[in-house]
Amino acid sequence: MRSRLLFAATVCLALGLPAAADAQGEGARTYWKAPANTHAVGTHLMFVDGNASGFNPALPVSGAAFTSRIYLLNYTAFFNFLGRRNQASVTQPFGTVEGTTTGLQPLSLDVAGKGRADLSAWWAFNLIGAPAQSLQEYMQWEQRTLLDAQLFVTAPSGQYDEDKFLNVGTNRWTVRFGLPFVQSIGDFTPGRRTTFELVPSVTLFGDNDALRSLTIDDGAPVFFSRTLSQDPLYKIEGHLTRDITKELWVSADAMYVGGGETSLDGVAQDDSQSSFGVGFTVAYKVSEKVELRALWGDFLTDEEDGIDTSMLWLRMTYAWNPTADRLAEQAAAARQ
């Protein structure tokens, strides 16, 4: 019993991802269901290179070359609510971004930013496939078809200096609505599990009313602020995952991102996105409570069409379930 519960806790971790990871997707097996009262903490390291800052990937810039190094701290909880299984998560990113941009400015500029980025949180409420359950009921349950409703919010809490061209904070609210879907294929015994996963979503953006801009007047640079608005961004993320052993699993990943045209002071910029990316994930259960995961992703489209970035994402997660731990201790004591 203890082994199965702790295995579920490590591989079924839902990660509340910040804007830093949004363009590359949330990752395979994010919406698998662990038992209620499961908790997880995660540490992450991301390397993102390309025409968008890793802290603001919804805004690719043609002609730019950014390098982002992102550190994430994350907490996730699974719980029963309104008769269904729920997941809630909060993530705080930190890091640095630097690079050169000519896409928004008439001059080539070296830009950089660092510090605390925007705090994000999300909540997923199961609609189909995962009713509220006790620990004992969970042990008899087999995951088959899952459909969740997800609300994801990023707050403008990160460091933002309106006198700088590049920041780790975005100075705007972001709200995303998603419908994560997971379908198990065949045997769901650990070591044999296969799933097909789709996550369609739409992201809505608040305005950034302090976007640093530059123009040239009589040969001299003139700095000023503008208001940035952005149309909804549509995304569909897909995964095909497969256990290799009880401890090791892999996933083939893909994503499409479209829409998101921007406006500056109300003037449309004719920069709608149409981007397609692929990736690969490998994860290994080090112990009953610890999982290591690595994800590589790359957008294949030209920068003129939207996002043109590549990413390496490393993370370690520690999970625990106090109820399962207590029952395991009682069982061990009874055998003595």
Protein backbone atom coordinates (compact mmCIF):
# COMPACT_ATOMS: atom_id res chain seq x y z
CA MET A 1 0.00 0.00 0.00
CA ARG A 2 2.67 2.49 1.03
CA SER A 3 4.74 1.84 -2.09
CA ARG A 4 1.84 2.42 -4.47
CA LEU A 5 0.69 5.59 -2.71
CA LEU A 6 4.11 7.17 -2.61
CA PHE A 7 4.76 6.23 -6.23
CA ALA A 8 1.54 8.01 -7.18
CA ALA A 9 2.59 11.02 -5.14
CA THR A 10 5.89 11.36 -7.00
CA VAL A 11 4.72 10.82 -10.58
CA CYS A 12 1.30 12.50 -10.37
CA LEU A 13 2.57 15.89 -9.30
CA ALA A 14 0.69 18.89 -10.65
CA LEU A 15 3.04 21.79 -11.17
CA GLY A 16 1.72 25.34 -11.02
CA LEU A 17 3.85 26.88 -13.70
CA PRO A 18 4.62 30.59 -14.04
CA ALA A 19 4.68 32.68 -17.19
CA ALA A 20 8.31 31.58 -17.41
CA ALA A 21 7.23 28.12 -18.55
CA ASP A 22 3.94 28.91 -20.22
CA ALA A 23 5.12 29.05 -23.82
CA GLN A 24 6.87 25.70 -23.49
CA GLY A 25 3.88 24.01 -21.85
CA GLU A 26 3.06 22.57 -18.47
CA GLY A 27 4.64 19.19 -19.01
CA ALA A 28 3.52 15.59 -19.33
CA ARG A 29 1.57 13.85 -16.54
CA THR A 30 0.82 17.17 -14.86
CA TYR A 31 -2.85 16.25 -14.42
CA TRP A 32 -2.51 12.69 -13.16
CA LYS A 33 -4.36 12.29 -9.88
CA ALA A 34 -2.66 11.61 -6.56
CA PRO A 35 -4.78 10.88 -3.45
CA ALA A 36 -6.20 13.72 -1.38
CA ASN A 37 -3.82 15.07 1.28
CA THR A 38 -0.81 14.58 -0.99
CA HIS A 39 1.66 17.49 -0.90
CA ALA A 40 4.70 18.25 -3.05
CA VAL A 41 7.50 20.79 -3.19
CA GLY A 42 9.64 21.26 -6.26
CA THR A 43 12.82 23.04 -7.28
CA HIS A 44 13.37 23.83 -10.95
CA LEU A 45 16.08 25.20 -13.22
CA MET A 46 15.25 26.40 -16.73
CA PHE A 47 17.49 27.57 -19.57
CA VAL A 48 15.60 29.43 -22.32
CA ASP A 49 17.22 30.92 -25.45
CA GLY A 50 15.56 32.65 -28.39
CA ASN A 51 13.46 35.61 -29.46
CA ALA A 52 11.40 35.81 -26.25
CA SER A 53 12.31 36.31 -22.62
CA GLY A 54 11.74 33.19 -20.58
CA PHE A 55 9.86 35.38 -18.10
CA ASN A 56 7.49 36.78 -20.75
CA PRO A 57 7.30 34.14 -23.51
CA ALA A 58 3.93 35.36 -24.82
CA LEU A 59 5.78 38.37 -26.32
CA PRO A 60 8.31 37.16 -28.91
CA VAL A 61 10.37 39.92 -30.52
CA SER A 62 11.55 39.59 -34.11
CA GLY A 63 15.26 40.37 -34.33
CA ALA A 64 15.90 39.72 -30.63
CA ALA A 65 18.18 37.19 -28.98
CA PHE A 66 17.53 36.59 -25.28
CA THR A 67 19.09 34.21 -22.78
CA SER A 68 17.08 33.44 -19.64
CA ARG A 69 18.09 31.50 -16.55
CA ILE A 70 15.11 30.76 -14.33
CA TYR A 71 14.89 29.23 -10.86
CA LEU A 72 11.48 28.12 -9.56
CA LEU A 73 10.13 27.13 -6.15
CA ASN A 74 6.79 25.35 -6.21
CA TYR A 75 4.22 23.92 -3.79
CA THR A 76 1.30 21.70 -4.82
CA ALA A 77 -1.59 20.10 -2.89
CA PHE A 78 -4.26 17.54 -3.85
CA PHE A 79 -7.59 17.66 -2.02
CA ASN A 80 -11.28 16.73 -2.22
CA PHE A 81 -13.77 19.55 -2.84
CA LEU A 82 -17.41 19.60 -3.99
CA GLY A 83 -17.33 15.85 -4.54
CA ARG A 84 -14.36 15.93 -6.96
CA ARG A 85 -10.56 15.67 -6.84
CA ASN A 86 -8.76 19.02 -6.97
CA GLN A 87 -5.23 20.28 -7.41
CA ALA A 88 -3.88 23.69 -6.38
CA SER A 89 -0.40 25.04 -6.84
CA VAL A 90 1.66 28.18 -6.36
CA THR A 91 5.04 29.00 -7.93
CA GLN A 92 7.61 31.74 -7.36
CA PRO A 93 10.27 32.24 -10.07
CA PHE A 94 13.56 34.10 -9.84
CA GLY A 95 16.39 34.57 -12.30
CA THR A 96 18.12 36.61 -14.97
CA VAL A 97 17.55 37.53 -18.61
CA GLU A 98 19.88 39.32 -20.99
CA GLY A 99 20.33 39.80 -24.69
CA THR A 100 20.17 42.11 -27.69
CA THR A 101 17.04 43.44 -29.35
CA THR A 102 16.40 45.40 -32.53
CA GLY A 103 12.79 44.31 -33.04
CA LEU A 104 11.11 46.95 -30.82
CA GLN A 105 13.66 49.69 -31.18
CA PRO A 106 15.31 51.62 -34.04
CA LEU A 107 18.72 50.85 -32.53
CA SER A 108 20.42 47.63 -31.46
CA LEU A 109 20.34 47.56 -27.66
CA ASP A 110 21.99 45.33 -25.07
CA VAL A 111 19.38 44.68 -22.38
CA ALA A 112 19.23 42.75 -19.10
CA GLY A 113 17.04 42.12 -16.07
CA LYS A 114 17.22 40.06 -12.90
CA GLY A 115 15.46 39.36 -9.61
CA ARG A 116 12.08 38.05 -8.45
CA ALA A 117 9.55 37.40 -11.21
CA ASP A 118 5.74 37.24 -11.16
CA LEU A 119 4.02 34.91 -8.69
CA SER A 120 1.59 32.44 -10.27
CA ALA A 121 -1.03 30.02 -9.00
CA TRP A 122 -3.53 27.64 -10.51
CA TRP A 123 -6.43 25.45 -9.53
CA ALA A 124 -7.70 22.40 -11.42
CA PHE A 125 -11.18 21.05 -10.65
CA ASN A 126 -11.92 17.60 -12.00
CA LEU A 127 -15.06 17.31 -14.15
CA ILE A 128 -14.83 13.69 -15.32
CA GLY A 129 -13.00 10.63 -14.00
CA ALA A 130 -11.72 11.55 -10.52
CA PRO A 131 -14.39 11.78 -7.79
CA ALA A 132 -13.58 12.73 -4.23
CA GLN A 133 -12.17 9.64 -2.49
CA SER A 134 -10.79 8.46 0.79
CA LEU A 135 -7.35 6.90 0.81
CA GLN A 136 -8.86 3.42 0.91
CA GLU A 137 -11.14 4.20 -2.05
CA TYR A 138 -8.20 5.60 -3.99
CA MET A 139 -6.36 2.30 -3.59
CA GLN A 140 -9.18 0.54 -5.48
CA TRP A 141 -9.46 3.22 -8.18
CA GLU A 142 -7.87 3.00 -11.63
CA GLN A 143 -7.23 6.16 -13.64
CA ARG A 144 -8.83 6.01 -17.10
CA THR A 145 -10.38 9.17 -18.62
CA LEU A 146 -9.84 12.53 -16.92
CA LEU A 147 -11.15 16.00 -17.78
CA ASP A 148 -10.42 19.04 -15.62
CA ALA A 149 -11.33 22.72 -15.65
CA GLN A 150 -8.30 24.87 -14.91
CA LEU A 151 -7.88 28.49 -13.82
CA PHE A 152 -4.33 29.87 -13.97
CA VAL A 153 -3.48 33.38 -12.71
CA THR A 154 -0.19 35.27 -12.85
CA ALA A 155 0.01 38.46 -10.77
CA PRO A 156 2.24 41.47 -11.63
CA SER A 157 4.27 40.99 -8.45
CA GLY A 158 7.73 40.66 -9.97
CA GLN A 159 10.45 43.28 -10.15
CA TYR A 160 9.65 45.81 -12.88
CA ASP A 161 11.54 49.04 -13.58
CA GLU A 162 9.74 51.21 -16.12
CA ASP A 163 13.05 52.85 -17.02
CA LYS A 164 14.42 49.52 -18.30
CA PHE A 165 13.72 47.82 -21.62
CA LEU A 166 13.86 44.32 -20.16
CA ASN A 167 12.52 43.06 -16.83
CA VAL A 168 11.82 39.76 -15.13
CA GLY A 169 8.41 41.09 -14.09
CA THR A 170 5.72 41.68 -16.73
CA ASN A 171 3.72 44.54 -15.12
CA ARG A 172 0.41 42.99 -16.18
CA TRP A 173 -2.13 40.41 -15.02
CA THR A 174 -2.49 37.14 -16.93
CA VAL A 175 -5.47 34.76 -16.66
CA ARG A 176 -5.66 31.43 -18.45
CA PHE A 177 -8.55 28.98 -18.78
CA GLY A 178 -7.84 25.37 -19.76
CA LEU A 179 -9.49 21.97 -20.17
CA PRO A 180 -6.80 19.36 -19.44
CA PHE A 181 -7.66 15.90 -20.80
CA VAL A 182 -5.90 12.61 -20.00
CA GLN A 183 -6.73 9.22 -21.52
CA SER A 184 -5.10 6.04 -20.24
CA ILE A 185 -4.38 3.44 -22.91
CA GLY A 186 -4.33 -0.23 -21.94
CA ASP A 187 -2.96 -1.55 -18.67
CA PHE A 188 -2.48 1.07 -15.93
CA THR A 189 -0.15 -1.08 -13.83
CA PRO A 190 3.07 0.80 -12.83
CA GLY A 191 5.75 -0.04 -15.39
CA ARG A 192 3.19 -0.53 -18.20
CA ARG A 193 1.20 2.72 -18.26
CA THR A 194 0.58 4.70 -21.45
CA THR A 195 -1.38 7.95 -21.69
CA PHE A 196 -2.48 10.41 -24.35
CA GLU A 197 -2.87 13.95 -23.03
CA LEU A 198 -4.24 17.22 -24.49
CA VAL A 199 -4.42 20.63 -22.82
CA PRO A 200 -6.31 23.28 -24.85
CA SER A 201 -6.30 26.74 -23.29
CA VAL A 202 -6.87 30.44 -23.87
CA THR A 203 -4.86 33.18 -22.13
CA LEU A 204 -6.15 36.70 -21.48
CA PHE A 205 -3.81 39.60 -20.75
CA GLY A 206 -4.11 42.84 -18.85
CA ASP A 207 -2.39 45.97 -20.14
CA ASN A 208 1.18 46.98 -19.39
CA ASP A 209 0.92 50.78 -19.12
CA ALA A 210 4.65 51.37 -18.65
CA LEU A 211 6.41 49.73 -21.58
CA ARG A 212 9.79 51.39 -22.14
CA SER A 213 10.19 52.64 -25.72
CA LEU A 214 12.68 54.60 -27.78
CA THR A 215 12.53 56.82 -30.83
CA ILE A 216 15.05 59.00 -32.63
CA ASP A 217 14.47 62.75 -32.88
CA ASP A 218 17.01 64.82 -34.88
CA GLY A 219 19.56 62.05 -34.41
CA ALA A 220 19.12 61.88 -30.64
CA PRO A 221 17.40 59.05 -28.72
CA VAL A 222 14.15 59.95 -26.95
CA PHE A 223 12.81 57.60 -24.30
CA PHE A 224 9.12 57.36 -23.39
CA SER A 225 6.48 54.93 -22.09
CA ARG A 226 3.69 53.26 -24.05
CA THR A 227 0.71 51.06 -23.21
CA LEU A 228 0.98 47.47 -24.39
CA SER A 229 -2.20 45.45 -24.99
CA GLN A 230 -2.45 41.89 -26.28
CA ASP A 231 -5.25 39.82 -27.81
CA PRO A 232 -6.04 36.36 -26.39
CA LEU A 233 -3.44 33.67 -26.99
CA TYR A 234 -4.66 30.19 -27.91
CA LYS A 235 -2.63 27.09 -27.13
CA ILE A 236 -2.96 23.34 -27.42
CA GLU A 237 -0.39 21.09 -25.77
CA GLY A 238 -0.12 17.34 -26.38
CA HIS A 239 1.80 14.42 -24.86
CA LEU A 240 2.16 10.71 -25.47
CA THR A 241 3.67 9.16 -22.34
CA ARG A 242 4.92 5.65 -21.63
CA ASP A 243 6.42 3.81 -18.67
CA ILE A 244 9.75 2.14 -19.45
CA THR A 245 10.07 0.59 -15.99
CA LYS A 246 8.32 1.23 -12.67
CA GLU A 247 10.88 3.97 -12.01
CA LEU A 248 11.43 5.42 -15.51
CA TRP A 249 9.00 7.02 -17.98
CA VAL A 250 9.28 9.14 -21.12
CA SER A 251 7.05 11.43 -23.16
CA ALA A 252 6.93 12.83 -26.70
CA ASP A 253 5.59 16.40 -26.51
CA ALA A 254 4.14 18.91 -28.98
CA MET A 255 2.50 22.34 -28.84
CA TYR A 256 0.78 24.90 -31.05
CA VAL A 257 0.42 28.59 -30.08
CA GLY A 258 -1.70 31.06 -32.06
CA GLY A 259 -3.17 34.55 -31.84
CA GLY A 260 -1.88 37.10 -29.32
CA GLU A 261 -1.60 40.15 -31.61
CA THR A 262 -0.27 43.16 -29.69
CA SER A 263 -1.20 46.85 -29.77
CA LEU A 264 0.87 49.85 -28.70
CA ASP A 265 -1.20 52.83 -27.52
CA GLY A 266 -4.16 51.27 -29.30
CA VAL A 267 -2.41 50.75 -32.64
CA ALA A 268 -2.40 47.10 -33.79
CA GLN A 269 1.09 45.75 -34.59
CA ASP A 270 0.06 42.97 -37.05
CA ASP A 271 2.13 40.40 -35.13
CA SER A 272 -0.27 37.49 -34.51
CA GLN A 273 1.57 34.30 -33.67
CA SER A 274 1.44 30.87 -35.27
CA SER A 275 4.10 28.72 -33.63
CA PHE A 276 4.67 24.97 -33.44
CA GLY A 277 7.07 23.26 -31.05
CA VAL A 278 8.17 19.75 -30.11
CA GLY A 279 9.86 18.28 -27.07
CA PHE A 280 10.90 15.20 -25.14
CA THR A 281 10.64 14.38 -21.44
CA VAL A 282 12.39 11.77 -19.33
CA ALA A 283 11.65 11.20 -15.62
CA TYR A 284 13.13 8.88 -13.02
CA LYS A 285 11.86 7.98 -9.53
CA VAL A 286 14.95 8.11 -7.31
CA SER A 287 13.06 6.97 -4.22
CA GLU A 288 9.48 6.54 -3.06
CA LYS A 289 9.19 10.29 -2.51
CA VAL A 290 11.64 11.89 -4.95
CA GLU A 291 11.43 12.26 -8.71
CA LEU A 292 13.91 13.83 -11.14
CA ARG A 293 12.71 15.11 -14.50
CA ALA A 294 14.33 16.67 -17.59
CA LEU A 295 12.49 18.27 -20.49
CA TRP A 296 13.90 19.58 -23.77
CA GLY A 297 11.72 21.70 -26.06
CA ASP A 298 12.23 23.61 -29.30
CA PHE A 299 9.91 25.75 -31.43
CA LEU A 300 10.34 24.95 -35.11
CA THR A 301 8.67 28.00 -36.66
CA ASP A 302 10.49 31.07 -37.98
CA GLU A 303 10.73 34.02 -35.61
CA GLU A 304 8.61 36.10 -38.00
CA ASP A 305 5.69 33.78 -37.20
CA GLY A 306 6.00 33.95 -33.42
CA ILE A 307 7.96 32.05 -30.78
CA ASP A 308 11.41 30.82 -31.79
CA THR A 309 12.97 29.54 -28.57
CA SER A 310 14.59 26.42 -27.18
CA MET A 311 14.50 25.26 -23.57
CA LEU A 312 16.08 22.81 -21.16
CA TRP A 313 14.08 22.32 -17.97
CA LEU A 314 15.39 20.33 -14.99
CA ARG A 315 13.39 19.72 -11.86
CA MET A 316 13.37 17.72 -8.63
CA THR A 317 10.17 17.03 -6.70
CA TYR A 318 9.65 15.73 -3.17
CA ALA A 319 6.14 14.46 -2.34
CA TRP A 320 4.48 13.10 0.76
CA ASN A 321 1.07 12.01 2.03
CA PRO A 322 0.72 12.19 5.83
CA THR A 323 -2.21 9.77 5.87
CA ALA A 324 -0.33 7.15 3.85
CA ASP A 325 2.80 7.64 5.96
CA ARG A 326 0.84 7.14 9.18
CA LEU A 327 -0.86 3.98 7.90
CA ALA A 328 2.48 2.60 6.73
CA GLU A 329 4.02 3.22 10.14
CA GLN A 330 1.09 1.48 11.83
CA ALA A 331 1.40 -1.50 9.50
CA ALA A 332 5.14 -1.75 10.17
CA ALA A 333 4.56 -1.61 13.93
CA ALA A 334 1.91 -4.35 13.69
CA ARG A 335 4.36 -6.68 11.92
CA GLN A 336 6.93 -6.36 14.71
